Amino acid sequence: ALPLKSTLLLADLFAEKFEGIGRKTDVTAEIGVRHQWRPQVVFSAGLGRHFRGSGFSTFLNLGLTLSNALQF
């Protein structure tokens, strides 16, 4: 997290092994960021790559979360 910026940076690396179907181990790396614009609005973006296994791919995600409390 970046102090006083309302921003979180993240990265991960993981492997998945599917037993019994004869596939290679899949390895994926991801990086991303989440930023809180306002108390009710959060923006997120990420980029990832499957770089080992049965298939190779690159993916991108973008998101915007709007939150509102229910008032009764």
PDB file of N, CA and C in Angstrom:
ATOM      1  N   ALA A   1       0.842  -1.183   0.000  1.00  0.00           N
ATOM      2  CA  ALA A   1       0.000   0.000   0.000  1.00  0.00           C
ATOM      3  C   ALA A   1       0.885   1.244   0.000  1.00  0.00           C
ATOM      4  N   LEU A   2       0.433   2.257  -0.697  1.00  0.00           N
ATOM      5  CA  LEU A   2       1.153   3.524  -0.723  1.00  0.00           C
ATOM      6  C   LEU A   2       0.543   4.453   0.321  1.00  0.00           C
ATOM      7  N   PRO A   3       1.323   4.919   1.273  1.00  0.00           N
ATOM      8  CA  PRO A   3       0.775   5.739   2.349  1.00  0.00           C
ATOM      9  C   PRO A   3       0.152   7.040   1.823  1.00  0.00           C
ATOM     10  N   LEU A   4      -1.013   7.355   2.342  1.00  0.00           N
ATOM     11  CA  LEU A   4      -1.746   8.587   2.033  1.00  0.00           C
ATOM     12  C   LEU A   4      -2.127   8.738   0.569  1.00  0.00           C
ATOM     13  N   LYS A   5      -2.105   7.659  -0.203  1.00  0.00           N
ATOM     14  CA  LYS A   5      -2.463   7.714  -1.623  1.00  0.00           C
ATOM     15  C   LYS A   5      -3.705   6.883  -1.955  1.00  0.00           C
ATOM     16  N   SER A   6      -4.209   6.104  -1.008  1.00  0.00           N
ATOM     17  CA  SER A   6      -5.364   5.224  -1.230  1.00  0.00           C
ATOM     18  C   SER A   6      -5.131   4.260  -2.386  1.00  0.00           C
ATOM     19  N   THR A   7      -3.882   3.794  -2.538  1.00  0.00           N
ATOM     20  CA  THR A   7      -3.519   2.908  -3.644  1.00  0.00           C
ATOM     21  C   THR A   7      -2.836   1.656  -3.106  1.00  0.00           C
ATOM     22  N   LEU A   8      -3.206   0.521  -3.666  1.00  0.00           N
ATOM     23  CA  LEU A   8      -2.617  -0.762  -3.305  1.00  0.00           C
ATOM     24  C   LEU A   8      -2.017  -1.389  -4.560  1.00  0.00           C
ATOM     25  N   LEU A   9      -0.725  -1.726  -4.509  1.00  0.00           N
ATOM     26  CA  LEU A   9      -0.049  -2.429  -5.601  1.00  0.00           C
ATOM     27  C   LEU A   9       0.069  -3.891  -5.205  1.00  0.00           C
ATOM     28  N   LEU A  10      -0.100  -4.800  -6.169  1.00  0.00           N
ATOM     29  CA  LEU A  10      -0.024  -6.217  -5.842  1.00  0.00           C
ATOM     30  C   LEU A  10       0.602  -6.999  -6.979  1.00  0.00           C
ATOM     31  N   ALA A  11       1.179  -8.136  -6.616  1.00  0.00           N
ATOM     32  CA  ALA A  11       1.776  -9.048  -7.594  1.00  0.00           C
ATOM     33  C   ALA A  11       1.702 -10.455  -7.024  1.00  0.00           C
ATOM     34  N   ASP A  12       1.518 -11.435  -7.887  1.00  0.00           N
ATOM     35  CA  ASP A  12       1.547 -12.822  -7.423  1.00  0.00           C
ATOM     36  C   ASP A  12       2.045 -13.751  -8.511  1.00  0.00           C
ATOM     37  N   LEU A  13       2.495 -14.888  -8.067  1.00  0.00           N
ATOM     38  CA  LEU A  13       3.002 -15.950  -8.922  1.00  0.00           C
ATOM     39  C   LEU A  13       2.489 -17.248  -8.328  1.00  0.00           C
ATOM     40  N   PHE A  14       1.819 -18.074  -9.140  1.00  0.00           N
ATOM     41  CA  PHE A  14       1.296 -19.327  -8.603  1.00  0.00           C
ATOM     42  C   PHE A  14       1.326 -20.431  -9.654  1.00  0.00           C
ATOM     43  N   ALA A  15       1.290 -21.669  -9.164  1.00  0.00           N
ATOM     44  CA  ALA A  15       1.291 -22.852 -10.029  1.00  0.00           C
ATOM     45  C   ALA A  15       0.071 -23.692  -9.716  1.00  0.00           C
ATOM     46  N   GLU A  16      -0.515 -24.299 -10.743  1.00  0.00           N
ATOM     47  CA  GLU A  16      -1.668 -25.187 -10.595  1.00  0.00           C
ATOM     48  C   GLU A  16      -1.346 -26.529 -11.245  1.00  0.00           C
ATOM     49  N   LYS A  17      -1.597 -27.594 -10.541  1.00  0.00           N
ATOM     50  CA  LYS A  17      -1.368 -28.946 -11.057  1.00  0.00           C
ATOM     51  C   LYS A  17      -2.692 -29.687 -11.038  1.00  0.00           C
ATOM     52  N   PHE A  18      -3.128 -30.141 -12.189  1.00  0.00           N
ATOM     53  CA  PHE A  18      -4.372 -30.897 -12.303  1.00  0.00           C
ATOM     54  C   PHE A  18      -4.021 -32.376 -12.376  1.00  0.00           C
ATOM     55  N   GLU A  19      -4.270 -33.095 -11.306  1.00  0.00           N
ATOM     56  CA  GLU A  19      -3.915 -34.515 -11.203  1.00  0.00           C
ATOM     57  C   GLU A  19      -4.858 -35.385 -12.040  1.00  0.00           C
ATOM     58  N   GLY A  20      -4.314 -36.431 -12.615  1.00  0.00           N
ATOM     59  CA  GLY A  20      -5.118 -37.443 -13.277  1.00  0.00           C
ATOM     60  C   GLY A  20      -5.535 -37.148 -14.702  1.00  0.00           C
ATOM     61  N   ILE A  21      -5.191 -35.991 -15.239  1.00  0.00           N
ATOM     62  CA  ILE A  21      -5.596 -35.712 -16.623  1.00  0.00           C
ATOM     63  C   ILE A  21      -4.390 -35.539 -17.544  1.00  0.00           C
ATOM     64  N   GLY A  22      -3.184 -35.708 -17.010  1.00  0.00           N
ATOM     65  CA  GLY A  22      -1.978 -35.703 -17.833  1.00  0.00           C
ATOM     66  C   GLY A  22      -1.527 -34.355 -18.344  1.00  0.00           C
ATOM     67  N   ARG A  23      -1.958 -33.285 -17.714  1.00  0.00           N
ATOM     68  CA  ARG A  23      -1.536 -31.945 -18.141  1.00  0.00           C
ATOM     69  C   ARG A  23      -0.277 -31.515 -17.416  1.00  0.00           C
ATOM     70  N   LYS A  24       0.474 -30.632 -18.055  1.00  0.00           N
ATOM     71  CA  LYS A  24       1.620 -30.024 -17.404  1.00  0.00           C
ATOM     72  C   LYS A  24       1.145 -29.057 -16.315  1.00  0.00           C
ATOM     73  N   THR A  25       2.036 -28.714 -15.415  1.00  0.00           N
ATOM     74  CA  THR A  25       1.720 -27.732 -14.375  1.00  0.00           C
ATOM     75  C   THR A  25       1.617 -26.347 -15.010  1.00  0.00           C
ATOM     76  N   ASP A  26       0.511 -25.654 -14.738  1.00  0.00           N
ATOM     77  CA  ASP A  26       0.307 -24.293 -15.235  1.00  0.00           C
ATOM     78  C   ASP A  26       0.944 -23.308 -14.261  1.00  0.00           C
ATOM     79  N   VAL A  27       1.681 -22.330 -14.779  1.00  0.00           N
ATOM     80  CA  VAL A  27       2.284 -21.281 -13.957  1.00  0.00           C
ATOM     81  C   VAL A  27       1.775 -19.934 -14.464  1.00  0.00           C
ATOM     82  N   THR A  28       1.323 -19.101 -13.533  1.00  0.00           N
ATOM     83  CA  THR A  28       0.731 -17.814 -13.871  1.00  0.00           C
ATOM     84  C   THR A  28       1.366 -16.717 -13.023  1.00  0.00           C
ATOM     85  N   ALA A  29       1.608 -15.557 -13.619  1.00  0.00           N
ATOM     86  CA  ALA A  29       2.082 -14.369 -12.907  1.00  0.00           C
ATOM     87  C   ALA A  29       1.090 -13.236 -13.160  1.00  0.00           C
ATOM     88  N   GLU A  30       0.838 -12.432 -12.124  1.00  0.00           N
ATOM     89  CA  GLU A  30      -0.102 -11.327 -12.237  1.00  0.00           C
ATOM     90  C   GLU A  30       0.439 -10.100 -11.521  1.00  0.00           C
ATOM     91  N   ILE A  31       0.097  -8.928 -12.023  1.00  0.00           N
ATOM     92  CA  ILE A  31       0.368  -7.667 -11.336  1.00  0.00           C
ATOM     93  C   ILE A  31      -0.901  -6.826 -11.408  1.00  0.00           C
ATOM     94  N   GLY A  32      -1.079  -5.934 -10.439  1.00  0.00           N
ATOM     95  CA  GLY A  32      -2.280  -5.127 -10.459  1.00  0.00           C
ATOM     96  C   GLY A  32      -2.198  -3.939  -9.527  1.00  0.00           C
ATOM     97  N   VAL A  33      -3.235  -3.108  -9.604  1.00  0.00           N
ATOM     98  CA  VAL A  33      -3.343  -1.913  -8.772  1.00  0.00           C
ATOM     99  C   VAL A  33      -4.819  -1.686  -8.451  1.00  0.00           C
ATOM    100  N   ARG A  34      -5.063  -1.213  -7.226  1.00  0.00           N
ATOM    101  CA  ARG A  34      -6.407  -0.792  -6.811  1.00  0.00           C
ATOM    102  C   ARG A  34      -6.281   0.604  -6.231  1.00  0.00           C
ATOM    103  N   HIS A  35      -7.179   1.491  -6.638  1.00  0.00           N
ATOM    104  CA  HIS A  35      -7.141   2.864  -6.146  1.00  0.00           C
ATOM    105  C   HIS A  35      -8.530   3.283  -5.701  1.00  0.00           C
ATOM    106  N   GLN A  36      -8.615   3.828  -4.499  1.00  0.00           N
ATOM    107  CA  GLN A  36      -9.891   4.300  -3.978  1.00  0.00           C
ATOM    108  C   GLN A  36     -10.022   5.785  -4.292  1.00  0.00           C
ATOM    109  N   TRP A  37     -10.930   6.102  -5.228  1.00  0.00           N
ATOM    110  CA  TRP A  37     -11.129   7.496  -5.627  1.00  0.00           C
ATOM    111  C   TRP A  37     -11.922   8.260  -4.575  1.00  0.00           C
ATOM    112  N   ARG A  38     -12.998   7.643  -4.116  1.00  0.00           N
ATOM    113  CA  ARG A  38     -13.870   8.214  -3.092  1.00  0.00           C
ATOM    114  C   ARG A  38     -14.258   7.093  -2.145  1.00  0.00           C
ATOM    115  N   PRO A  39     -14.891   7.387  -1.028  1.00  0.00           N
ATOM    116  CA  PRO A  39     -15.270   6.297  -0.115  1.00  0.00           C
ATOM    117  C   PRO A  39     -16.155   5.225  -0.760  1.00  0.00           C
ATOM    118  N   GLN A  40     -16.916   5.572  -1.789  1.00  0.00           N
ATOM    119  CA  GLN A  40     -17.803   4.610  -2.439  1.00  0.00           C
ATOM    120  C   GLN A  40     -17.281   4.102  -3.788  1.00  0.00           C
ATOM    121  N   VAL A  41     -16.148   4.588  -4.270  1.00  0.00           N
ATOM    122  CA  VAL A  41     -15.685   4.255  -5.624  1.00  0.00           C
ATOM    123  C   VAL A  41     -14.247   3.723  -5.582  1.00  0.00           C
ATOM    124  N   VAL A  42     -14.067   2.519  -6.123  1.00  0.00           N
ATOM    125  CA  VAL A  42     -12.741   1.897  -6.207  1.00  0.00           C
ATOM    126  C   VAL A  42     -12.498   1.457  -7.649  1.00  0.00           C
ATOM    127  N   PHE A  43     -11.332   1.794  -8.183  1.00  0.00           N
ATOM    128  CA  PHE A  43     -10.911   1.386  -9.524  1.00  0.00           C
ATOM    129  C   PHE A  43      -9.827   0.317  -9.379  1.00  0.00           C
ATOM    130  N   SER A  44      -9.882  -0.713 -10.225  1.00  0.00           N
ATOM    131  CA  SER A  44      -8.835  -1.740 -10.196  1.00  0.00           C
ATOM    132  C   SER A  44      -8.446  -2.109 -11.623  1.00  0.00           C
ATOM    133  N   ALA A  45      -7.173  -2.509 -11.772  1.00  0.00           N
ATOM    134  CA  ALA A  45      -6.658  -2.945 -13.070  1.00  0.00           C
ATOM    135  C   ALA A  45      -5.591  -3.997 -12.821  1.00  0.00           C
ATOM    136  N   GLY A  46      -5.512  -4.964 -13.712  1.00  0.00           N
ATOM    137  CA  GLY A  46      -4.511  -6.009 -13.567  1.00  0.00           C
ATOM    138  C   GLY A  46      -4.088  -6.570 -14.912  1.00  0.00           C
ATOM    139  N   LEU A  47      -2.916  -7.189 -14.904  1.00  0.00           N
ATOM    140  CA  LEU A  47      -2.356  -7.815 -16.094  1.00  0.00           C
ATOM    141  C   LEU A  47      -1.738  -9.133 -15.661  1.00  0.00           C
ATOM    142  N   GLY A  48      -1.985 -10.180 -16.437  1.00  0.00           N
ATOM    143  CA  GLY A  48      -1.452 -11.492 -16.080  1.00  0.00           C
ATOM    144  C   GLY A  48      -0.995 -12.262 -17.295  1.00  0.00           C
ATOM    145  N   ARG A  49      -0.201 -13.296 -17.022  1.00  0.00           N
ATOM    146  CA  ARG A  49       0.329 -14.130 -18.105  1.00  0.00           C
ATOM    147  C   ARG A  49       0.446 -15.566 -17.632  1.00  0.00           C
ATOM    148  N   HIS A  50      -0.183 -16.499 -18.384  1.00  0.00           N
ATOM    149  CA  HIS A  50       0.042 -17.938 -18.205  1.00  0.00           C
ATOM    150  C   HIS A  50       1.271 -18.253 -19.051  1.00  0.00           C
ATOM    151  N   PHE A  51       2.401 -18.544 -18.428  1.00  0.00           N
ATOM    152  CA  PHE A  51       3.618 -18.714 -19.214  1.00  0.00           C
ATOM    153  C   PHE A  51       4.195 -20.113 -19.175  1.00  0.00           C
ATOM    154  N   ARG A  52       3.515 -21.036 -18.536  1.00  0.00           N
ATOM    155  CA  ARG A  52       3.960 -22.425 -18.576  1.00  0.00           C
ATOM    156  C   ARG A  52       2.739 -23.310 -18.405  1.00  0.00           C
ATOM    157  N   GLY A  53       2.720 -24.423 -19.121  1.00  0.00           N
ATOM    158  CA  GLY A  53       1.599 -25.338 -19.021  1.00  0.00           C
ATOM    159  C   GLY A  53       1.087 -25.728 -20.386  1.00  0.00           C
ATOM    160  N   SER A  54      -0.173 -26.134 -20.420  1.00  0.00           N
ATOM    161  CA  SER A  54      -0.742 -26.627 -21.672  1.00  0.00           C
ATOM    162  C   SER A  54      -1.119 -25.511 -22.637  1.00  0.00           C
ATOM    163  N   GLY A  55      -1.301 -24.303 -22.133  1.00  0.00           N
ATOM    164  CA  GLY A  55      -1.646 -23.187 -23.011  1.00  0.00           C
ATOM    165  C   GLY A  55      -1.043 -21.898 -22.492  1.00  0.00           C
ATOM    166  N   PHE A  56      -0.744 -20.997 -23.414  1.00  0.00           N
ATOM    167  CA  PHE A  56      -0.182 -19.705 -23.050  1.00  0.00           C
ATOM    168  C   PHE A  56      -1.214 -18.640 -23.354  1.00  0.00           C
ATOM    169  N   SER A  57      -1.353 -17.679 -22.456  1.00  0.00           N
ATOM    170  CA  SER A  57      -2.283 -16.589 -22.703  1.00  0.00           C
ATOM    171  C   SER A  57      -1.891 -15.389 -21.855  1.00  0.00           C
ATOM    172  N   THR A  58      -2.380 -14.247 -22.271  1.00  0.00           N
ATOM    173  CA  THR A  58      -2.205 -13.003 -21.531  1.00  0.00           C
ATOM    174  C   THR A  58      -3.589 -12.447 -21.274  1.00  0.00           C
ATOM    175  N   PHE A  59      -3.803 -11.892 -20.089  1.00  0.00           N
ATOM    176  CA  PHE A  59      -5.120 -11.349 -19.784  1.00  0.00           C
ATOM    177  C   PHE A  59      -5.005 -10.007 -19.082  1.00  0.00           C
ATOM    178  N   LEU A  60      -6.036  -9.209 -19.244  1.00  0.00           N
ATOM    179  CA  LEU A  60      -6.128  -7.865 -18.684  1.00  0.00           C
ATOM    180  C   LEU A  60      -7.493  -7.741 -18.042  1.00  0.00           C
ATOM    181  N   ASN A  61      -7.552  -7.133 -16.873  1.00  0.00           N
ATOM    182  CA  ASN A  61      -8.855  -6.870 -16.277  1.00  0.00           C
ATOM    183  C   ASN A  61      -8.918  -5.429 -15.792  1.00  0.00           C
ATOM    184  N   LEU A  62     -10.062  -4.845 -15.932  1.00  0.00           N
ATOM    185  CA  LEU A  62     -10.349  -3.496 -15.473  1.00  0.00           C
ATOM    186  C   LEU A  62     -11.659  -3.550 -14.711  1.00  0.00           C
ATOM    187  N   GLY A  63     -11.732  -2.815 -13.613  1.00  0.00           N
ATOM    188  CA  GLY A  63     -12.961  -2.843 -12.842  1.00  0.00           C
ATOM    189  C   GLY A  63     -13.215  -1.536 -12.122  1.00  0.00           C
ATOM    190  N   LEU A  64     -14.476  -1.278 -11.870  1.00  0.00           N
ATOM    191  CA  LEU A  64     -14.910  -0.120 -11.113  1.00  0.00           C
ATOM    192  C   LEU A  64     -15.994  -0.604 -10.164  1.00  0.00           C
ATOM    193  N   THR A  65     -15.792  -0.376  -8.878  1.00  0.00           N
ATOM    194  CA  THR A  65     -16.752  -0.799  -7.866  1.00  0.00           C
ATOM    195  C   THR A  65     -17.429   0.423  -7.270  1.00  0.00           C
ATOM    196  N   LEU A  66     -18.743   0.419  -7.306  1.00  0.00           N
ATOM    197  CA  LEU A  66     -19.546   1.469  -6.686  1.00  0.00           C
ATOM    198  C   LEU A  66     -20.305   0.846  -5.530  1.00  0.00           C
ATOM    199  N   SER A  67     -20.178   1.411  -4.342  1.00  0.00           N
ATOM    200  CA  SER A  67     -20.842   0.862  -3.156  1.00  0.00           C
ATOM    201  C   SER A  67     -21.791   1.907  -2.570  1.00  0.00           C
ATOM    202  N   ASN A  68     -22.969   1.438  -2.216  1.00  0.00           N
ATOM    203  CA  ASN A  68     -23.963   2.284  -1.560  1.00  0.00           C
ATOM    204  C   ASN A  68     -24.620   1.481  -0.451  1.00  0.00           C
ATOM    205  N   ALA A  69     -24.770   2.090   0.695  1.00  0.00           N
ATOM    206  CA  ALA A  69     -25.455   1.419   1.810  1.00  0.00           C
ATOM    207  C   ALA A  69     -26.958   1.478   1.592  1.00  0.00           C
ATOM    208  N   LEU A  70     -27.638   0.407   2.002  1.00  0.00           N
ATOM    209  CA  LEU A  70     -29.100   0.393   1.967  1.00  0.00           C
ATOM    210  C   LEU A  70     -29.626   1.172   3.153  1.00  0.00           C
ATOM    211  N   GLN A  71     -30.520   2.063   2.891  1.00  0.00           N
ATOM    212  CA  GLN A  71     -31.106   2.864   3.972  1.00  0.00           C
ATOM    213  C   GLN A  71     -32.559   2.492   4.127  1.00  0.00           C
ATOM    214  N   PHE A  72     -32.927   2.111   5.332  1.00  0.00           N
ATOM    215  CA  PHE A  72     -34.314   1.710   5.614  1.00  0.00           C
ATOM    216  C   PHE A  72     -35.008   2.769   6.394  1.00  0.00           C
TER     217      PHE A  72
END
